[in-house]
Amino acid sequence: MVVAPIGPYPKSMTTAHLHLLVNHAALFASVFAFPLLAWSWWRPNRGAWGSAVFLLTLGAGGAGLSQWSGEGAAEAVEDLPGVRESAIEVHEERAEVALVTTLVAAAVGAVGFFVGGNRARLATGLTALGAAASFGTMAWTASAGGLIRHAEEIGSADARVALHDTPRFPERSPAGSVQEEARDDDDDDGNASRK
């Protein structure tokens, strides 16, 4: 996919812009849908349930659009300094899981809402669980996406997992001075030497 303008003008929105614009839609949709579903399960309320299903459907659409535009966004940043290909790959893998989770939550909610009947309470509860799972997977994905360009977070445990490695950082003494550890790559033992 080429990072080209979506519209007819040279400065039109690119797929990278679109990705940044819609990538949090599913996250926030599931955040707002969950309390509506919990309320609807506790005190059956079709209006709250319908609103929550609508939000999850919008979130699923946003997740799909974000997935579609993600390749263009990756191409736009992959050659920038400090961007690791492994961080982009982890974000893409998590995004696939989050998209499926959100689609399933929206589908269960829609089917349960329109079928209704005796199992409405069960369908509401399952949809609430789906909304919670959607939020969890979207937050997990967003965390990995943030690590692509936000180097200030690179020292976190999630960053090391997302990057599939454990980068070395300077060690700080209690006084706050930095003591750097250097590796001697030419050493046959693989032992580290101190400066």
Protein backbone atom coordinates (compact mmCIF):
# COMPACT_ATOMS: atom_id res chain seq x y z
CA MET A 1 0.00 0.00 0.00
CA VAL A 2 1.36 3.38 -0.95
CA VAL A 3 1.19 6.26 1.51
CA ALA A 4 -0.65 8.50 -0.92
CA PRO A 5 -3.28 11.16 -0.39
CA ILE A 6 -6.80 9.78 -0.12
CA GLY A 7 -8.36 12.84 -1.76
CA PRO A 8 -7.66 14.65 -5.03
CA TYR A 9 -5.39 17.30 -3.51
CA PRO A 10 -1.67 16.84 -2.81
CA LYS A 11 -2.08 17.73 0.87
CA SER A 12 -5.13 15.53 1.37
CA MET A 13 -5.34 13.08 4.23
CA THR A 14 -3.08 10.05 3.85
CA THR A 15 -3.74 6.57 5.17
CA ALA A 16 -1.30 7.39 7.98
CA HIS A 17 -3.43 10.40 8.97
CA LEU A 18 -6.57 8.29 8.77
CA HIS A 19 -5.02 5.61 10.98
CA LEU A 20 -4.16 8.16 13.66
CA LEU A 21 -7.65 9.62 13.40
CA VAL A 22 -9.63 6.39 13.86
CA ASN A 23 -7.35 4.05 15.80
CA HIS A 24 -8.88 4.82 19.20
CA ALA A 25 -12.52 4.54 18.08
CA ALA A 26 -12.96 0.94 19.21
CA LEU A 27 -11.15 1.56 22.48
CA PHE A 28 -13.47 4.40 23.47
CA ALA A 29 -16.57 2.72 22.04
CA SER A 30 -16.02 -0.31 24.27
CA VAL A 31 -15.32 1.91 27.30
CA PHE A 32 -18.64 3.69 26.85
CA ALA A 33 -20.57 0.54 25.84
CA PHE A 34 -19.63 -1.49 28.91
CA PRO A 35 -21.46 0.62 31.54
CA LEU A 36 -24.53 0.78 29.29
CA LEU A 37 -24.48 -3.01 29.00
CA ALA A 38 -23.94 -3.48 32.73
CA TRP A 39 -26.89 -1.20 33.44
CA SER A 40 -28.99 -2.99 30.84
CA TRP A 41 -28.13 -6.37 32.37
CA TRP A 42 -28.87 -5.24 35.93
CA ARG A 43 -32.13 -3.42 35.03
CA PRO A 44 -33.28 -4.59 31.60
CA ASN A 45 -33.35 -1.53 29.37
CA ARG A 46 -33.50 -1.96 25.60
CA GLY A 47 -32.55 1.66 25.00
CA ALA A 48 -29.27 1.32 26.87
CA TRP A 49 -28.62 -2.04 25.27
CA GLY A 50 -29.33 -0.68 21.78
CA SER A 51 -27.03 2.29 22.41
CA ALA A 52 -24.26 -0.03 23.56
CA VAL A 53 -24.67 -2.26 20.50
CA PHE A 54 -24.56 0.85 18.31
CA LEU A 55 -21.32 1.96 20.01
CA LEU A 56 -19.76 -1.49 19.60
CA THR A 57 -20.76 -1.50 15.92
CA LEU A 58 -19.15 1.92 15.44
CA GLY A 59 -16.10 0.66 17.30
CA ALA A 60 -15.89 -2.41 15.07
CA GLY A 61 -16.11 -0.14 12.01
CA GLY A 62 -13.36 2.06 13.43
CA ALA A 63 -11.22 -0.99 14.17
CA GLY A 64 -11.71 -2.24 10.61
CA LEU A 65 -10.82 1.15 9.16
CA SER A 66 -7.81 1.35 11.45
CA GLN A 67 -6.70 -2.12 10.33
CA TRP A 68 -7.09 -1.12 6.69
CA SER A 69 -5.11 2.11 7.11
CA GLY A 70 -2.46 0.54 9.34
CA GLU A 71 -0.26 -0.67 6.49
CA GLY A 72 0.01 2.85 5.09
CA ALA A 73 0.79 4.20 8.55
CA ALA A 74 3.51 1.57 8.98
CA GLU A 75 5.07 2.51 5.65
CA ALA A 76 5.03 6.18 6.66
CA VAL A 77 7.06 5.61 9.85
CA GLU A 78 9.13 2.48 9.27
CA ASP A 79 12.19 4.38 8.00
CA LEU A 80 12.10 7.10 10.66
CA PRO A 81 14.90 7.14 13.24
CA GLY A 82 14.13 5.15 16.37
CA VAL A 83 11.33 3.08 14.83
CA ARG A 84 11.80 -0.67 15.15
CA GLU A 85 10.20 -3.06 12.72
CA SER A 86 9.56 -5.50 15.58
CA ALA A 87 7.39 -2.89 17.36
CA ILE A 88 5.29 -2.43 14.21
CA GLU A 89 4.89 -6.20 13.82
CA VAL A 90 3.78 -6.66 17.43
CA HIS A 91 1.26 -3.83 17.02
CA GLU A 92 -0.09 -5.42 13.81
CA GLU A 93 -0.46 -8.85 15.44
CA ARG A 94 -2.27 -7.39 18.43
CA ALA A 95 -4.50 -5.32 16.15
CA GLU A 96 -5.74 -8.46 14.40
CA VAL A 97 -6.75 -10.03 17.73
CA ALA A 98 -8.44 -6.79 18.84
CA LEU A 99 -10.35 -6.45 15.57
CA VAL A 100 -11.75 -9.98 15.80
CA THR A 101 -12.67 -9.49 19.47
CA THR A 102 -14.52 -6.25 18.71
CA LEU A 103 -16.33 -7.73 15.71
CA VAL A 104 -17.47 -10.72 17.77
CA ALA A 105 -18.68 -8.46 20.61
CA ALA A 106 -20.63 -6.29 18.16
CA ALA A 107 -22.11 -9.34 16.39
CA VAL A 108 -23.18 -11.03 19.63
CA GLY A 109 -24.75 -7.79 20.80
CA ALA A 110 -26.60 -7.17 17.53
CA VAL A 111 -27.92 -10.73 17.27
CA GLY A 112 -28.98 -10.75 20.91
CA PHE A 113 -30.64 -7.35 20.62
CA PHE A 114 -32.67 -8.19 17.53
CA VAL A 115 -33.57 -11.74 18.56
CA GLY A 116 -34.36 -10.74 22.15
CA GLY A 117 -36.80 -13.02 23.90
CA ASN A 118 -36.12 -15.12 26.98
CA ARG A 119 -32.36 -15.04 26.53
CA ALA A 120 -32.02 -11.27 26.38
CA ARG A 121 -30.35 -11.11 29.79
CA LEU A 122 -27.82 -13.77 28.78
CA ALA A 123 -27.10 -11.96 25.50
CA THR A 124 -26.65 -8.67 27.37
CA GLY A 125 -24.20 -10.29 29.77
CA LEU A 126 -22.26 -11.92 26.94
CA THR A 127 -22.14 -8.61 25.08
CA ALA A 128 -20.86 -6.87 28.23
CA LEU A 129 -18.10 -9.49 28.52
CA GLY A 130 -17.35 -8.95 24.83
CA ALA A 131 -17.14 -5.18 25.38
CA ALA A 132 -14.72 -5.73 28.28
CA ALA A 133 -12.62 -8.08 26.13
CA SER A 134 -12.72 -5.55 23.31
CA PHE A 135 -11.47 -2.83 25.62
CA GLY A 136 -8.71 -5.08 26.97
CA THR A 137 -7.45 -6.11 23.54
CA MET A 138 -7.72 -2.56 22.20
CA ALA A 139 -5.74 -1.17 25.15
CA TRP A 140 -3.17 -3.94 24.64
CA THR A 141 -2.92 -2.98 20.97
CA ALA A 142 -2.79 0.76 21.69
CA SER A 143 0.05 0.16 24.15
CA ALA A 144 2.10 -1.55 21.45
CA GLY A 145 1.19 1.15 18.92
CA GLY A 146 2.34 3.90 21.22
CA LEU A 147 5.74 2.26 21.51
CA ILE A 148 6.36 2.64 17.78
CA ARG A 149 7.08 6.37 18.03
CA HIS A 150 7.07 7.24 21.73
CA ALA A 151 10.67 6.55 22.73
CA GLU A 152 10.16 7.92 26.24
CA GLU A 153 8.25 4.73 27.09
CA ILE A 154 10.88 2.41 25.69
CA GLY A 155 12.15 1.41 29.15
CA SER A 156 8.84 -0.05 30.31
CA ALA A 157 8.34 -3.79 30.71
CA ASP A 158 5.63 -3.74 28.01
CA ALA A 159 8.11 -2.08 25.64
CA ARG A 160 10.63 -4.88 26.12
CA VAL A 161 7.94 -7.46 25.42
CA ALA A 162 6.64 -5.52 22.42
CA LEU A 163 10.10 -5.14 20.98
CA HIS A 164 10.97 -8.82 21.56
CA ASP A 165 14.18 -7.85 23.28
CA THR A 166 15.53 -6.38 26.47
CA PRO A 167 17.46 -3.25 25.61
CA ARG A 168 20.24 -2.22 27.95
CA PHE A 169 19.85 1.07 29.75
CA PRO A 170 22.28 2.98 31.94
CA GLU A 171 22.07 1.96 35.58
CA ARG A 172 21.40 4.75 38.07
CA SER A 173 23.04 4.84 41.46
CA PRO A 174 21.05 6.11 44.46
CA ALA A 175 22.69 9.53 44.02
CA GLY A 176 21.34 9.69 40.45
CA SER A 177 24.65 9.49 38.58
CA VAL A 178 24.75 7.29 35.51
CA GLN A 179 27.03 4.27 35.42
CA GLU A 180 27.10 2.85 31.92
CA GLU A 181 27.90 -0.74 31.21
CA ALA A 182 29.57 -1.41 27.88
CA ARG A 183 29.82 -4.73 26.12
CA ASP A 184 33.01 -5.87 24.45
CA ASP A 185 31.73 -7.43 21.22
CA ASP A 186 35.18 -8.71 20.26
CA ASP A 187 35.56 -10.72 23.48
CA ASP A 188 35.29 -14.45 22.77
CA ASP A 189 33.80 -15.25 26.23
CA GLY A 190 30.93 -12.83 25.75
CA ASN A 191 31.77 -11.26 29.14
CA ALA A 192 30.90 -7.63 29.65
CA SER A 193 33.62 -5.22 30.64
CA ARG A 194 33.07 -2.12 32.76
CA LYS A 195 34.23 1.39 31.86
